[in-house]
Amino acid sequence: DDYKNAVYLQMNSLKPEDTATYYCNAEYRGYNLWGQ
């Protein structure tokens, strides 16, 4: 949602192998920004 400056990930039918730390990333022309 570019008006809210937000990105979402809807995860359905989750499996145990989906267990992990999930990180948000923003990339522009080789510049990367990461969430915590």
PDB file of all heavy atoms in Angstrom:
ATOM      1  N   ASP A   1       0.879  -1.173   0.000  1.00  0.00           N
ATOM      2  CA  ASP A   1       0.000   0.000   0.000  1.00  0.00           C
ATOM      3  C   ASP A   1       0.912   1.217   0.000  1.00  0.00           C
ATOM      4  O   ASP A   1       1.479   1.582   1.039  1.00  0.00           O
ATOM      5  CB  ASP A   1      -0.896  -0.016   1.234  1.00  0.00           C
ATOM      6  CG  ASP A   1      -1.927   1.103   1.224  1.00  0.00           C
ATOM      7  OD1 ASP A   1      -1.665   2.150   0.597  1.00  0.00           O
ATOM      8  OD2 ASP A   1      -2.980   0.959   1.859  1.00  0.00           O
ATOM      9  N   ASP A   2       1.059   1.825  -1.175  1.00  0.00           N
ATOM     10  CA  ASP A   2       1.995   2.938  -1.296  1.00  0.00           C
ATOM     11  C   ASP A   2       1.490   4.198  -0.595  1.00  0.00           C
ATOM     12  O   ASP A   2       2.272   5.119  -0.356  1.00  0.00           O
ATOM     13  CB  ASP A   2       2.270   3.217  -2.771  1.00  0.00           C
ATOM     14  CG  ASP A   2       3.150   2.153  -3.408  1.00  0.00           C
ATOM     15  OD1 ASP A   2       3.516   1.183  -2.699  1.00  0.00           O
ATOM     16  OD2 ASP A   2       3.470   2.272  -4.605  1.00  0.00           O
ATOM     17  N   TYR A   3       0.203   4.264  -0.276  1.00  0.00           N
ATOM     18  CA  TYR A   3      -0.315   5.413   0.465  1.00  0.00           C
ATOM     19  C   TYR A   3       0.028   5.295   1.951  1.00  0.00           C
ATOM     20  O   TYR A   3       0.220   6.307   2.634  1.00  0.00           O
ATOM     21  CB  TYR A   3      -1.826   5.526   0.284  1.00  0.00           C
ATOM     22  CG  TYR A   3      -2.219   5.901  -1.122  1.00  0.00           C
ATOM     23  CD1 TYR A   3      -2.660   4.938  -2.025  1.00  0.00           C
ATOM     24  CD2 TYR A   3      -2.123   7.216  -1.572  1.00  0.00           C
ATOM     25  CE1 TYR A   3      -3.004   5.279  -3.320  1.00  0.00           C
ATOM     26  CE2 TYR A   3      -2.473   7.563  -2.868  1.00  0.00           C
ATOM     27  CZ  TYR A   3      -2.911   6.584  -3.741  1.00  0.00           C
ATOM     28  OH  TYR A   3      -3.232   6.919  -5.028  1.00  0.00           O
ATOM     29  N   LYS A   4       0.105   4.079   2.423  1.00  0.00           N
ATOM     30  CA  LYS A   4       0.439   3.851   3.837  1.00  0.00           C
ATOM     31  C   LYS A   4       1.906   3.511   4.043  1.00  0.00           C
ATOM     32  O   LYS A   4       2.336   3.281   5.177  1.00  0.00           O
ATOM     33  CB  LYS A   4      -0.432   2.723   4.404  1.00  0.00           C
ATOM     34  CG  LYS A   4      -1.918   3.051   4.448  1.00  0.00           C
ATOM     35  CD  LYS A   4      -2.707   1.918   5.089  1.00  0.00           C
ATOM     36  CE  LYS A   4      -4.182   2.272   5.181  1.00  0.00           C
ATOM     37  NZ  LYS A   4      -4.973   1.163   5.792  1.00  0.00           N
ATOM     38  N   ASN A   5       2.674   3.455   2.944  1.00  0.00           N
ATOM     39  CA  ASN A   5       4.091   3.077   3.034  1.00  0.00           C
ATOM     40  C   ASN A   5       4.238   1.746   3.762  1.00  0.00           C
ATOM     41  O   ASN A   5       5.039   1.609   4.705  1.00  0.00           O
ATOM     42  CB  ASN A   5       4.913   4.160   3.751  1.00  0.00           C
ATOM     43  CG  ASN A   5       5.136   5.373   2.889  1.00  0.00           C
ATOM     44  OD1 ASN A   5       4.677   5.438   1.749  1.00  0.00           O
ATOM     45  ND2 ASN A   5       5.829   6.364   3.413  1.00  0.00           N
ATOM     46  N   ALA A   6       3.449   0.770   3.320  1.00  0.00           N
ATOM     47  CA  ALA A   6       3.442  -0.511   4.011  1.00  0.00           C
ATOM     48  C   ALA A   6       3.429  -1.673   3.021  1.00  0.00           C
ATOM     49  O   ALA A   6       2.922  -1.550   1.902  1.00  0.00           O
ATOM     50  CB  ALA A   6       2.224  -0.610   4.928  1.00  0.00           C
ATOM     51  N   VAL A   7       3.988  -2.767   3.472  1.00  0.00           N
ATOM     52  CA  VAL A   7       3.963  -4.016   2.718  1.00  0.00           C
ATOM     53  C   VAL A   7       3.482  -5.111   3.658  1.00  0.00           C
ATOM     54  O   VAL A   7       3.752  -5.068   4.858  1.00  0.00           O
ATOM     55  CB  VAL A   7       5.340  -4.344   2.100  1.00  0.00           C
ATOM     56  CG1 VAL A   7       6.391  -4.552   3.173  1.00  0.00           C
ATOM     57  CG2 VAL A   7       5.258  -5.539   1.172  1.00  0.00           C
ATOM     58  N   TYR A   8       2.759  -6.064   3.085  1.00  0.00           N
ATOM     59  CA  TYR A   8       2.138  -7.103   3.883  1.00  0.00           C
ATOM     60  C   TYR A   8       2.485  -8.487   3.331  1.00  0.00           C
ATOM     61  O   TYR A   8       2.772  -8.634   2.142  1.00  0.00           O
ATOM     62  CB  TYR A   8       0.616  -6.929   3.877  1.00  0.00           C
ATOM     63  CG  TYR A   8       0.175  -5.543   4.242  1.00  0.00           C
ATOM     64  CD1 TYR A   8      -0.162  -4.617   3.253  1.00  0.00           C
ATOM     65  CD2 TYR A   8       0.099  -5.143   5.568  1.00  0.00           C
ATOM     66  CE1 TYR A   8      -0.557  -3.332   3.575  1.00  0.00           C
ATOM     67  CE2 TYR A   8      -0.300  -3.854   5.900  1.00  0.00           C
ATOM     68  CZ  TYR A   8      -0.616  -2.952   4.905  1.00  0.00           C
ATOM     69  OH  TYR A   8      -1.000  -1.680   5.234  1.00  0.00           O
ATOM     70  N   LEU A   9       2.425  -9.470   4.207  1.00  0.00           N
ATOM     71  CA  LEU A   9       2.577 -10.853   3.781  1.00  0.00           C
ATOM     72  C   LEU A   9       1.478 -11.665   4.452  1.00  0.00           C
ATOM     73  O   LEU A   9       1.509 -11.875   5.669  1.00  0.00           O
ATOM     74  CB  LEU A   9       3.954 -11.412   4.156  1.00  0.00           C
ATOM     75  CG  LEU A   9       4.252 -12.807   3.627  1.00  0.00           C
ATOM     76  CD1 LEU A   9       4.379 -12.785   2.093  1.00  0.00           C
ATOM     77  CD2 LEU A   9       5.523 -13.367   4.245  1.00  0.00           C
ATOM     78  N   GLN A  10       0.512 -12.079   3.652  1.00  0.00           N
ATOM     79  CA  GLN A  10      -0.542 -12.947   4.147  1.00  0.00           C
ATOM     80  C   GLN A  10      -0.082 -14.386   4.006  1.00  0.00           C
ATOM     81  O   GLN A  10       0.238 -14.837   2.904  1.00  0.00           O
ATOM     82  CB  GLN A  10      -1.828 -12.734   3.359  1.00  0.00           C
ATOM     83  CG  GLN A  10      -2.976 -13.647   3.774  1.00  0.00           C
ATOM     84  CD  GLN A  10      -3.455 -13.376   5.185  1.00  0.00           C
ATOM     85  OE1 GLN A  10      -3.609 -12.216   5.580  1.00  0.00           O
ATOM     86  NE2 GLN A  10      -3.696 -14.424   5.954  1.00  0.00           N
ATOM     87  N   MET A  11      -0.022 -15.089   5.119  1.00  0.00           N
ATOM     88  CA  MET A  11       0.491 -16.455   5.136  1.00  0.00           C
ATOM     89  C   MET A  11      -0.633 -17.402   5.552  1.00  0.00           C
ATOM     90  O   MET A  11      -1.131 -17.311   6.681  1.00  0.00           O
ATOM     91  CB  MET A  11       1.672 -16.567   6.103  1.00  0.00           C
ATOM     92  CG  MET A  11       2.783 -15.587   5.807  1.00  0.00           C
ATOM     93  SD  MET A  11       4.246 -15.826   6.851  1.00  0.00           S
ATOM     94  CE  MET A  11       3.580 -15.396   8.444  1.00  0.00           C
ATOM     95  N   ASN A  12      -1.009 -18.272   4.645  1.00  0.00           N
ATOM     96  CA  ASN A  12      -2.057 -19.258   4.906  1.00  0.00           C
ATOM     97  C   ASN A  12      -1.474 -20.662   4.847  1.00  0.00           C
ATOM     98  O   ASN A  12      -0.381 -20.878   4.321  1.00  0.00           O
ATOM     99  CB  ASN A  12      -3.181 -19.125   3.877  1.00  0.00           C
ATOM    100  CG  ASN A  12      -3.863 -17.776   3.923  1.00  0.00           C
ATOM    101  OD1 ASN A  12      -3.985 -17.155   4.977  1.00  0.00           O
ATOM    102  ND2 ASN A  12      -4.318 -17.306   2.769  1.00  0.00           N
ATOM    103  N   SER A  13      -2.215 -21.605   5.373  1.00  0.00           N
ATOM    104  CA  SER A  13      -1.798 -23.014   5.365  1.00  0.00           C
ATOM    105  C   SER A  13      -0.367 -23.167   5.868  1.00  0.00           C
ATOM    106  O   SER A  13       0.457 -23.848   5.248  1.00  0.00           O
ATOM    107  CB  SER A  13      -1.932 -23.596   3.944  1.00  0.00           C
ATOM    108  OG  SER A  13      -3.256 -23.486   3.473  1.00  0.00           O
ATOM    109  N   LEU A  14      -0.091 -22.544   6.970  1.00  0.00           N
ATOM    110  CA  LEU A  14       1.272 -22.542   7.501  1.00  0.00           C
ATOM    111  C   LEU A  14       1.707 -23.947   7.904  1.00  0.00           C
ATOM    112  O   LEU A  14       0.912 -24.763   8.375  1.00  0.00           O
ATOM    113  CB  LEU A  14       1.375 -21.592   8.678  1.00  0.00           C
ATOM    114  CG  LEU A  14       1.460 -20.109   8.284  1.00  0.00           C
ATOM    115  CD1 LEU A  14       1.099 -19.211   9.451  1.00  0.00           C
ATOM    116  CD2 LEU A  14       2.858 -19.788   7.768  1.00  0.00           C
ATOM    117  N   LYS A  15       2.991 -24.185   7.706  1.00  0.00           N
ATOM    118  CA  LYS A  15       3.602 -25.470   8.015  1.00  0.00           C
ATOM    119  C   LYS A  15       4.718 -25.269   9.036  1.00  0.00           C
ATOM    120  O   LYS A  15       5.296 -24.169   9.107  1.00  0.00           O
ATOM    121  CB  LYS A  15       4.191 -26.092   6.742  1.00  0.00           C
ATOM    122  CG  LYS A  15       3.218 -26.240   5.594  1.00  0.00           C
ATOM    123  CD  LYS A  15       3.933 -26.739   4.343  1.00  0.00           C
ATOM    124  CE  LYS A  15       2.980 -26.882   3.172  1.00  0.00           C
ATOM    125  NZ  LYS A  15       3.666 -27.369   1.946  1.00  0.00           N
ATOM    126  N   PRO A  16       5.076 -26.311   9.769  1.00  0.00           N
ATOM    127  CA  PRO A  16       6.192 -26.166  10.724  1.00  0.00           C
ATOM    128  C   PRO A  16       7.477 -25.677  10.059  1.00  0.00           C
ATOM    129  O   PRO A  16       8.248 -24.935  10.686  1.00  0.00           O
ATOM    130  CB  PRO A  16       6.347 -27.585  11.279  1.00  0.00           C
ATOM    131  CG  PRO A  16       4.974 -28.160  11.198  1.00  0.00           C
ATOM    132  CD  PRO A  16       4.394 -27.605   9.923  1.00  0.00           C
ATOM    133  N   GLU A  17       7.686 -26.060   8.813  1.00  0.00           N
ATOM    134  CA  GLU A  17       8.912 -25.619   8.123  1.00  0.00           C
ATOM    135  C   GLU A  17       8.894 -24.139   7.757  1.00  0.00           C
ATOM    136  O   GLU A  17       9.897 -23.602   7.284  1.00  0.00           O
ATOM    137  CB  GLU A  17       9.161 -26.470   6.865  1.00  0.00           C
ATOM    138  CG  GLU A  17       7.981 -26.596   5.930  1.00  0.00           C
ATOM    139  CD  GLU A  17       7.193 -27.877   6.159  1.00  0.00           C
ATOM    140  OE1 GLU A  17       6.950 -28.239   7.340  1.00  0.00           O
ATOM    141  OE2 GLU A  17       6.815 -28.512   5.147  1.00  0.00           O
ATOM    142  N   ASP A  18       7.776 -23.458   7.975  1.00  0.00           N
ATOM    143  CA  ASP A  18       7.730 -22.004   7.793  1.00  0.00           C
ATOM    144  C   ASP A  18       8.258 -21.265   9.012  1.00  0.00           C
ATOM    145  O   ASP A  18       8.402 -20.042   8.985  1.00  0.00           O
ATOM    146  CB  ASP A  18       6.298 -21.548   7.509  1.00  0.00           C
ATOM    147  CG  ASP A  18       5.750 -22.076   6.196  1.00  0.00           C
ATOM    148  OD1 ASP A  18       6.486 -22.055   5.198  1.00  0.00           O
ATOM    149  OD2 ASP A  18       4.570 -22.494   6.187  1.00  0.00           O
ATOM    150  N   THR A  19       8.554 -21.987  10.076  1.00  0.00           N
ATOM    151  CA  THR A  19       9.082 -21.365  11.293  1.00  0.00           C
ATOM    152  C   THR A  19      10.412 -20.690  10.998  1.00  0.00           C
ATOM    153  O   THR A  19      11.340 -21.314  10.478  1.00  0.00           O
ATOM    154  CB  THR A  19       9.257 -22.422  12.389  1.00  0.00           C
ATOM    155  OG1 THR A  19       7.959 -22.929  12.757  1.00  0.00           O
ATOM    156  CG2 THR A  19       9.937 -21.825  13.613  1.00  0.00           C
ATOM    157  N   ALA A  20      10.493 -19.402  11.331  1.00  0.00           N
ATOM    158  CA  ALA A  20      11.692 -18.614  11.054  1.00  0.00           C
ATOM    159  C   ALA A  20      11.482 -17.194  11.569  1.00  0.00           C
ATOM    160  O   ALA A  20      10.366 -16.823  11.962  1.00  0.00           O
ATOM    161  CB  ALA A  20      11.974 -18.573   9.553  1.00  0.00           C
ATOM    162  N   THR A  21      12.557 -16.440  11.538  1.00  0.00           N
ATOM    163  CA  THR A  21      12.443 -15.002  11.724  1.00  0.00           C
ATOM    164  C   THR A  21      12.238 -14.385  10.341  1.00  0.00           C
ATOM    165  O   THR A  21      13.009 -14.660   9.425  1.00  0.00           O
ATOM    166  CB  THR A  21      13.690 -14.413  12.381  1.00  0.00           C
ATOM    167  OG1 THR A  21      13.895 -15.045  13.647  1.00  0.00           O
ATOM    168  CG2 THR A  21      13.530 -12.920  12.583  1.00  0.00           C
ATOM    169  N   TYR A  22      11.195 -13.585  10.224  1.00  0.00           N
ATOM    170  CA  TYR A  22      10.846 -12.966   8.946  1.00  0.00           C
ATOM    171  C   TYR A  22      11.298 -11.507   8.953  1.00  0.00           C
ATOM    172  O   TYR A  22      11.010 -10.762   9.898  1.00  0.00           O
ATOM    173  CB  TYR A  22       9.346 -13.070   8.709  1.00  0.00           C
ATOM    174  CG  TYR A  22       8.919 -14.451   8.279  1.00  0.00           C
ATOM    175  CD1 TYR A  22       8.947 -15.514   9.174  1.00  0.00           C
ATOM    176  CD2 TYR A  22       8.520 -14.710   6.974  1.00  0.00           C
ATOM    177  CE1 TYR A  22       8.593 -16.800   8.785  1.00  0.00           C
ATOM    178  CE2 TYR A  22       8.147 -15.985   6.575  1.00  0.00           C
ATOM    179  CZ  TYR A  22       8.192 -17.024   7.489  1.00  0.00           C
ATOM    180  OH  TYR A  22       7.833 -18.289   7.080  1.00  0.00           O
ATOM    181  N   TYR A  23      11.982 -11.132   7.877  1.00  0.00           N
ATOM    182  CA  TYR A  23      12.539  -9.802   7.764  1.00  0.00           C
ATOM    183  C   TYR A  23      11.926  -9.070   6.570  1.00  0.00           C
ATOM    184  O   TYR A  23      11.805  -9.639   5.471  1.00  0.00           O
ATOM    185  CB  TYR A  23      14.051  -9.851   7.561  1.00  0.00           C
ATOM    186  CG  TYR A  23      14.809 -10.444   8.720  1.00  0.00           C
ATOM    187  CD1 TYR A  23      15.078 -11.798   8.771  1.00  0.00           C
ATOM    188  CD2 TYR A  23      15.270  -9.636   9.755  1.00  0.00           C
ATOM    189  CE1 TYR A  23      15.775 -12.352   9.826  1.00  0.00           C
ATOM    190  CE2 TYR A  23      15.977 -10.173  10.821  1.00  0.00           C
ATOM    191  CZ  TYR A  23      16.225 -11.533  10.849  1.00  0.00           C
ATOM    192  OH  TYR A  23      16.923 -12.077  11.895  1.00  0.00           O
ATOM    193  N   CYS A  24      11.612  -7.828   6.782  1.00  0.00           N
ATOM    194  CA  CYS A  24      11.175  -6.945   5.703  1.00  0.00           C
ATOM    195  C   CYS A  24      12.408  -6.305   5.064  1.00  0.00           C
ATOM    196  O   CYS A  24      13.370  -5.949   5.768  1.00  0.00           O
ATOM    197  CB  CYS A  24      10.251  -5.878   6.283  1.00  0.00           C
ATOM    198  SG  CYS A  24       9.591  -4.707   5.091  1.00  0.00           S
ATOM    199  N   ASN A  25      12.387  -6.181   3.752  1.00  0.00           N
ATOM    200  CA  ASN A  25      13.506  -5.593   3.009  1.00  0.00           C
ATOM    201  C   ASN A  25      12.985  -4.574   2.008  1.00  0.00           C
ATOM    202  O   ASN A  25      11.951  -4.792   1.372  1.00  0.00           O
ATOM    203  CB  ASN A  25      14.282  -6.698   2.287  1.00  0.00           C
ATOM    204  CG  ASN A  25      15.325  -6.159   1.343  1.00  0.00           C
ATOM    205  OD1 ASN A  25      15.072  -5.995   0.151  1.00  0.00           O
ATOM    206  ND2 ASN A  25      16.499  -5.860   1.866  1.00  0.00           N
ATOM    207  N   ALA A  26      13.732  -3.482   1.871  1.00  0.00           N
ATOM    208  CA  ALA A  26      13.454  -2.485   0.835  1.00  0.00           C
ATOM    209  C   ALA A  26      14.713  -2.324  -0.002  1.00  0.00           C
ATOM    210  O   ALA A  26      15.805  -2.110   0.553  1.00  0.00           O
ATOM    211  CB  ALA A  26      13.061  -1.155   1.469  1.00  0.00           C
ATOM    212  N   GLU A  27      14.586  -2.444  -1.299  1.00  0.00           N
ATOM    213  CA  GLU A  27      15.753  -2.371  -2.189  1.00  0.00           C
ATOM    214  C   GLU A  27      15.502  -1.379  -3.312  1.00  0.00           C
ATOM    215  O   GLU A  27      14.446  -1.390  -3.951  1.00  0.00           O
ATOM    216  CB  GLU A  27      16.053  -3.752  -2.767  1.00  0.00           C
ATOM    217  CG  GLU A  27      17.358  -3.824  -3.572  1.00  0.00           C
ATOM    218  CD  GLU A  27      17.196  -3.430  -5.023  1.00  0.00           C
ATOM    219  OE1 GLU A  27      16.113  -3.649  -5.593  1.00  0.00           O
ATOM    220  OE2 GLU A  27      18.164  -2.884  -5.605  1.00  0.00           O
ATOM    221  N   TYR A  28      16.497  -0.518  -3.548  1.00  0.00           N
ATOM    222  CA  TYR A  28      16.429   0.434  -4.659  1.00  0.00           C
ATOM    223  C   TYR A  28      17.831   0.662  -5.178  1.00  0.00           C
ATOM    224  O   TYR A  28      18.697   1.152  -4.432  1.00  0.00           O
ATOM    225  CB  TYR A  28      15.807   1.747  -4.204  1.00  0.00           C
ATOM    226  CG  TYR A  28      15.762   2.808  -5.278  1.00  0.00           C
ATOM    227  CD1 TYR A  28      14.991   2.642  -6.425  1.00  0.00           C
ATOM    228  CD2 TYR A  28      16.496   3.998  -5.151  1.00  0.00           C
ATOM    229  CE1 TYR A  28      14.951   3.599  -7.418  1.00  0.00           C
ATOM    230  CE2 TYR A  28      16.458   4.962  -6.138  1.00  0.00           C
ATOM    231  CZ  TYR A  28      15.683   4.766  -7.272  1.00  0.00           C
ATOM    232  OH  TYR A  28      15.640   5.722  -8.255  1.00  0.00           O
ATOM    233  N   ARG A  29      18.057   0.245  -6.404  1.00  0.00           N
ATOM    234  CA  ARG A  29      19.353   0.453  -7.076  1.00  0.00           C
ATOM    235  C   ARG A  29      20.514  -0.004  -6.202  1.00  0.00           C
ATOM    236  O   ARG A  29      21.531   0.687  -6.081  1.00  0.00           O
ATOM    237  CB  ARG A  29      19.510   1.917  -7.470  1.00  0.00           C
ATOM    238  CG  ARG A  29      18.513   2.344  -8.539  1.00  0.00           C
ATOM    239  CD  ARG A  29      18.801   3.734  -9.075  1.00  0.00           C
ATOM    240  NE  ARG A  29      17.862   4.104 -10.134  1.00  0.00           N
ATOM    241  CZ  ARG A  29      17.906   5.264 -10.796  1.00  0.00           C
ATOM    242  NH1 ARG A  29      18.828   6.158 -10.518  1.00  0.00           N
ATOM    243  NH2 ARG A  29      17.017   5.511 -11.740  1.00  0.00           N
ATOM    244  N   GLY A  30      20.373  -1.161  -5.610  1.00  0.00           N
ATOM    245  CA  GLY A  30      21.454  -1.758  -4.836  1.00  0.00           C
ATOM    246  C   GLY A  30      21.496  -1.335  -3.382  1.00  0.00           C
ATOM    247  O   GLY A  30      22.257  -1.916  -2.593  1.00  0.00           O
ATOM    248  N   TYR A  31      20.707  -0.363  -3.024  1.00  0.00           N
ATOM    249  CA  TYR A  31      20.625   0.047  -1.613  1.00  0.00           C
ATOM    250  C   TYR A  31      19.576  -0.802  -0.923  1.00  0.00           C
ATOM    251  O   TYR A  31      18.451  -0.908  -1.397  1.00  0.00           O
ATOM    252  CB  TYR A  31      20.248   1.520  -1.506  1.00  0.00           C
ATOM    253  CG  TYR A  31      19.947   1.973  -0.093  1.00  0.00           C
ATOM    254  CD1 TYR A  31      20.967   2.193   0.827  1.00  0.00           C
ATOM    255  CD2 TYR A  31      18.630   2.175   0.322  1.00  0.00           C
ATOM    256  CE1 TYR A  31      20.692   2.607   2.118  1.00  0.00           C
ATOM    257  CE2 TYR A  31      18.344   2.582   1.603  1.00  0.00           C
ATOM    258  CZ  TYR A  31      19.372   2.804   2.503  1.00  0.00           C
ATOM    259  OH  TYR A  31      19.090   3.200   3.784  1.00  0.00           O
ATOM    260  N   ASN A  32      19.986  -1.424   0.185  1.00  0.00           N
ATOM    261  CA  ASN A  32      19.088  -2.308   0.918  1.00  0.00           C
ATOM    262  C   ASN A  32      18.859  -1.802   2.329  1.00  0.00           C
ATOM    263  O   ASN A  32      19.798  -1.418   3.026  1.00  0.00           O
ATOM    264  CB  ASN A  32      19.669  -3.719   0.989  1.00  0.00           C
ATOM    265  CG  ASN A  32      19.400  -4.514  -0.272  1.00  0.00           C
ATOM    266  OD1 ASN A  32      18.327  -5.093  -0.441  1.00  0.00           O
ATOM    267  ND2 ASN A  32      20.354  -4.511  -1.172  1.00  0.00           N
ATOM    268  N   LEU A  33      17.616  -1.855   2.728  1.00  0.00           N
ATOM    269  CA  LEU A  33      17.224  -1.498   4.085  1.00  0.00           C
ATOM    270  C   LEU A  33      16.507  -2.699   4.686  1.00  0.00           C
ATOM    271  O   LEU A  33      15.674  -3.317   4.009  1.00  0.00           O
ATOM    272  CB  LEU A  33      16.300  -0.289   4.053  1.00  0.00           C
ATOM    273  CG  LEU A  33      15.806   0.286   5.371  1.00  0.00           C
ATOM    274  CD1 LEU A  33      16.965   0.800   6.210  1.00  0.00           C
ATOM    275  CD2 LEU A  33      14.792   1.395   5.109  1.00  0.00           C
ATOM    276  N   TRP A  34      16.838  -3.024   5.948  1.00  0.00           N
ATOM    277  CA  TRP A  34      16.258  -4.198   6.603  1.00  0.00           C
ATOM    278  C   TRP A  34      15.519  -3.805   7.875  1.00  0.00           C
ATOM    279  O   TRP A  34      15.942  -2.889   8.592  1.00  0.00           O
ATOM    280  CB  TRP A  34      17.357  -5.194   6.973  1.00  0.00           C
ATOM    281  CG  TRP A  34      18.018  -5.831   5.802  1.00  0.00           C
ATOM    282  CD1 TRP A  34      19.153  -5.408   5.176  1.00  0.00           C
ATOM    283  CD2 TRP A  34      17.591  -7.014   5.114  1.00  0.00           C
ATOM    284  NE1 TRP A  34      19.453  -6.253   4.127  1.00  0.00           N
ATOM    285  CE2 TRP A  34      18.515  -7.241   4.071  1.00  0.00           C
ATOM    286  CE3 TRP A  34      16.532  -7.892   5.264  1.00  0.00           C
ATOM    287  CZ2 TRP A  34      18.402  -8.326   3.184  1.00  0.00           C
ATOM    288  CZ3 TRP A  34      16.418  -8.971   4.397  1.00  0.00           C
ATOM    289  CH2 TRP A  34      17.334  -9.175   3.368  1.00  0.00           C
ATOM    290  N   GLY A  35      14.471  -4.549   8.155  1.00  0.00           N
ATOM    291  CA  GLY A  35      13.810  -4.419   9.436  1.00  0.00           C
ATOM    292  C   GLY A  35      14.502  -5.283  10.481  1.00  0.00           C
ATOM    293  O   GLY A  35      15.465  -5.994  10.191  1.00  0.00           O
ATOM    294  N   GLN A  36      13.975  -5.229  11.683  1.00  0.00           N
ATOM    295  CA  GLN A  36      14.598  -5.947  12.795  1.00  0.00           C
ATOM    296  C   GLN A  36      14.156  -7.401  12.862  1.00  0.00           C
ATOM    297  O   GLN A  36      14.762  -8.206  13.570  1.00  0.00           O
ATOM    298  CB  GLN A  36      14.273  -5.243  14.125  1.00  0.00           C
ATOM    299  CG  GLN A  36      12.908  -5.574  14.722  1.00  0.00           C
ATOM    300  CD  GLN A  36      11.740  -4.921  13.997  1.00  0.00           C
ATOM    301  OE1 GLN A  36      11.927  -4.113  13.080  1.00  0.00           O
ATOM    302  NE2 GLN A  36      10.537  -5.262  14.409  1.00  0.00           N
TER     303      GLN A  36
END
